[in-house]
C-alpha atoms as a PDB file:
ATOM      1  CA  UNK A   1      23.647  25.128 -54.155  1.00  0.00           C
ATOM      2  CA  UNK A   2      22.458  27.139 -50.891  1.00  0.00           C
ATOM      3  CA  UNK A   3      23.273  24.726 -47.296  1.00  0.00           C
ATOM      4  CA  UNK A   4      20.015  25.174 -44.757  1.00  0.00           C
ATOM      5  CA  UNK A   5      21.367  25.843 -41.306  1.00  0.00           C
ATOM      6  CA  UNK A   6      19.084  24.296 -38.417  1.00  0.00           C
ATOM      7  CA  UNK A   7      19.323  26.113 -35.074  1.00  0.00           C
ATOM      8  CA  UNK A   8      20.757  24.238 -32.186  1.00  0.00           C
ATOM      9  CA  UNK A   9      18.251  24.268 -28.996  1.00  0.00           C
ATOM     10  CA  UNK A  10      19.422  23.566 -25.865  1.00  0.00           C
ATOM     11  CA  UNK A  11      17.139  22.463 -23.024  1.00  0.00           C
ATOM     12  CA  UNK A  12      17.671  22.278 -19.516  1.00  0.00           C
ATOM     13  CA  UNK A  13      14.333  21.148 -17.216  1.00  0.00           C
ATOM     14  CA  UNK A  14      13.532  19.769 -13.631  1.00  0.00           C
ATOM     15  CA  UNK A  15      10.457  18.108 -12.563  1.00  0.00           C
ATOM     16  CA  UNK A  16       8.867  17.396  -8.940  1.00  0.00           C
ATOM     17  CA  UNK A  17       5.811  15.738  -8.524  1.00  0.00           C
ATOM     18  CA  UNK A  18       3.736  14.862  -5.197  1.00  0.00           C
ATOM     19  CA  UNK A  19       0.827  12.346  -4.772  1.00  0.00           C
ATOM     20  CA  UNK A  20      -1.180  11.679  -1.538  1.00  0.00           C
ATOM     21  CA  UNK A  21      -3.886   9.914  -0.435  1.00  0.00           C
ATOM     22  CA  UNK A  22      -6.549  11.978   1.570  1.00  0.00           C
ATOM     23  CA  UNK A  23      -9.263   9.396   1.802  1.00  0.00           C
ATOM     24  CA  UNK A  24      -9.704   6.107   0.823  1.00  0.00           C
ATOM     25  CA  UNK A  25     -11.586   7.042  -2.611  1.00  0.00           C
ATOM     26  CA  UNK A  26      -9.414  10.290  -3.104  1.00  0.00           C
ATOM     27  CA  UNK A  27      -6.110  11.229  -3.672  1.00  0.00           C
ATOM     28  CA  UNK A  28      -4.528  14.746  -4.811  1.00  0.00           C
ATOM     29  CA  UNK A  29      -1.644  15.349  -7.088  1.00  0.00           C
ATOM     30  CA  UNK A  30       0.615  18.305  -7.710  1.00  0.00           C
ATOM     31  CA  UNK A  31       3.437  19.009  -9.885  1.00  0.00           C
ATOM     32  CA  UNK A  32       6.307  21.852 -10.774  1.00  0.00           C
ATOM     33  CA  UNK A  33       8.331  22.131 -13.544  1.00  0.00           C
ATOM     34  CA  UNK A  34      10.877  24.813 -15.164  1.00  0.00           C
ATOM     35  CA  UNK A  35      12.582  24.281 -18.508  1.00  0.00           C
ATOM     36  CA  UNK A  36      15.037  26.476 -19.669  1.00  0.00           C
ATOM     37  CA  UNK A  37      15.147  27.027 -23.649  1.00  0.00           C
ATOM     38  CA  UNK A  38      17.945  28.240 -25.975  1.00  0.00           C
ATOM     39  CA  UNK A  39      17.291  28.452 -29.441  1.00  0.00           C
ATOM     40  CA  UNK A  40      20.806  28.827 -30.428  1.00  0.00           C
ATOM     41  CA  UNK A  41      19.938  30.751 -33.727  1.00  0.00           C
ATOM     42  CA  UNK A  42      21.821  33.294 -33.662  1.00  0.00           C
ATOM     43  CA  UNK A  43      18.650  35.819 -32.392  1.00  0.00           C
ATOM     44  CA  UNK A  44      19.893  35.491 -28.742  1.00  0.00           C
ATOM     45  CA  UNK A  45      16.313  34.235 -27.828  1.00  0.00           C
ATOM     46  CA  UNK A  46      16.033  32.710 -24.382  1.00  0.00           C
ATOM     47  CA  UNK A  47      12.676  31.319 -23.399  1.00  0.00           C
ATOM     48  CA  UNK A  48      11.506  30.309 -19.577  1.00  0.00           C
ATOM     49  CA  UNK A  49       8.536  27.890 -19.066  1.00  0.00           C
ATOM     50  CA  UNK A  50       7.375  27.518 -15.689  1.00  0.00           C
ATOM     51  CA  UNK A  51       4.202  24.736 -15.154  1.00  0.00           C
ATOM     52  CA  UNK A  52       2.039  23.935 -12.373  1.00  0.00           C
ATOM     53  CA  UNK A  53      -0.046  20.990 -12.352  1.00  0.00           C
ATOM     54  CA  UNK A  54      -2.718  20.332  -9.453  1.00  0.00           C
ATOM     55  CA  UNK A  55      -5.445  17.401  -9.340  1.00  0.00           C
ATOM     56  CA  UNK A  56      -7.906  15.338  -7.665  1.00  0.00           C
ATOM     57  CA  UNK A  57      -8.592  11.584  -8.241  1.00  0.00           C
ATOM     58  CA  UNK A  58     -12.139  10.003  -7.079  1.00  0.00           C
ATOM     59  CA  UNK A  59     -12.334   6.083  -7.118  1.00  0.00           C
ATOM     60  CA  UNK A  60     -16.207   6.012  -7.880  1.00  0.00           C
ATOM     61  CA  UNK A  61     -16.116   1.849  -8.548  1.00  0.00           C
ATOM     62  CA  UNK A  62     -13.274  -0.408  -8.543  1.00  0.00           C
ATOM     63  CA  UNK A  63     -13.098   0.047 -12.380  1.00  0.00           C
ATOM     64  CA  UNK A  64     -13.746   3.672 -12.673  1.00  0.00           C
ATOM     65  CA  UNK A  65     -11.925   6.854 -11.878  1.00  0.00           C
ATOM     66  CA  UNK A  66     -13.164  10.753 -12.163  1.00  0.00           C
ATOM     67  CA  UNK A  67     -10.173  13.040 -12.199  1.00  0.00           C
ATOM     68  CA  UNK A  68     -10.157  16.975 -11.658  1.00  0.00           C
ATOM     69  CA  UNK A  69      -6.944  18.483 -13.516  1.00  0.00           C
ATOM     70  CA  UNK A  70      -5.987  22.313 -13.161  1.00  0.00           C
ATOM     71  CA  UNK A  71      -2.407  23.304 -14.737  1.00  0.00           C
ATOM     72  CA  UNK A  72      -1.301  26.802 -15.523  1.00  0.00           C
ATOM     73  CA  UNK A  73       1.878  27.463 -17.810  1.00  0.00           C
ATOM     74  CA  UNK A  74       4.151  30.784 -18.145  1.00  0.00           C
ATOM     75  CA  UNK A  75       6.209  31.123 -21.608  1.00  0.00           C
ATOM     76  CA  UNK A  76       8.467  33.885 -20.525  1.00  0.00           C
ATOM     77  CA  UNK A  77      10.846  35.014 -23.245  1.00  0.00           C
ATOM     78  CA  UNK A  78      13.531  37.594 -23.978  1.00  0.00           C
ATOM     79  CA  UNK A  79      11.454  38.105 -27.450  1.00  0.00           C
ATOM     80  CA  UNK A  80       9.368  41.338 -27.136  1.00  0.00           C
ATOM     81  CA  UNK A  81       6.033  39.534 -28.297  1.00  0.00           C
ATOM     82  CA  UNK A  82       6.418  35.943 -27.365  1.00  0.00           C
ATOM     83  CA  UNK A  83       5.061  35.731 -23.742  1.00  0.00           C
ATOM     84  CA  UNK A  84       2.516  33.055 -23.197  1.00  0.00           C
ATOM     85  CA  UNK A  85       0.339  31.944 -20.747  1.00  0.00           C
ATOM     86  CA  UNK A  86      -1.941  28.672 -20.986  1.00  0.00           C
ATOM     87  CA  UNK A  87      -4.445  27.804 -18.559  1.00  0.00           C
ATOM     88  CA  UNK A  88      -5.932  24.044 -18.528  1.00  0.00           C
ATOM     89  CA  UNK A  89      -9.178  22.740 -16.792  1.00  0.00           C
ATOM     90  CA  UNK A  90      -9.302  19.085 -17.116  1.00  0.00           C
ATOM     91  CA  UNK A  91     -12.308  16.683 -16.030  1.00  0.00           C
ATOM     92  CA  UNK A  92     -11.549  12.973 -17.197  1.00  0.00           C
ATOM     93  CA  UNK A  93     -13.738   9.779 -16.680  1.00  0.00           C
ATOM     94  CA  UNK A  94     -11.898   6.467 -16.769  1.00  0.00           C
ATOM     95  CA  UNK A  95     -14.108   3.027 -16.851  1.00  0.00           C
ATOM     96  CA  UNK A  96     -12.018  -0.219 -17.239  1.00  0.00           C
ATOM     97  CA  UNK A  97     -13.201  -3.217 -18.831  1.00  0.00           C
END
């Protein structure tokens, strides 16, 4: 009988955000997060994940908004080929009925 051992992953994370009303119809947001991930699988792999978000939300009407959000994430690993950078641009429309 073979026993499967699952790795013990431990994560320490932190997040900060800020929102400001720029004009009556326009709000801005900013956020940043950090995670330290220890995979505990015997390989010694440890990743650090940094994320920054910024966004603007415009009120089109009492029931509708449009938002533009930008995000960048950098995952830095002590593994040879596991560094990843992700950029995301999102344009969102929200309509409540």
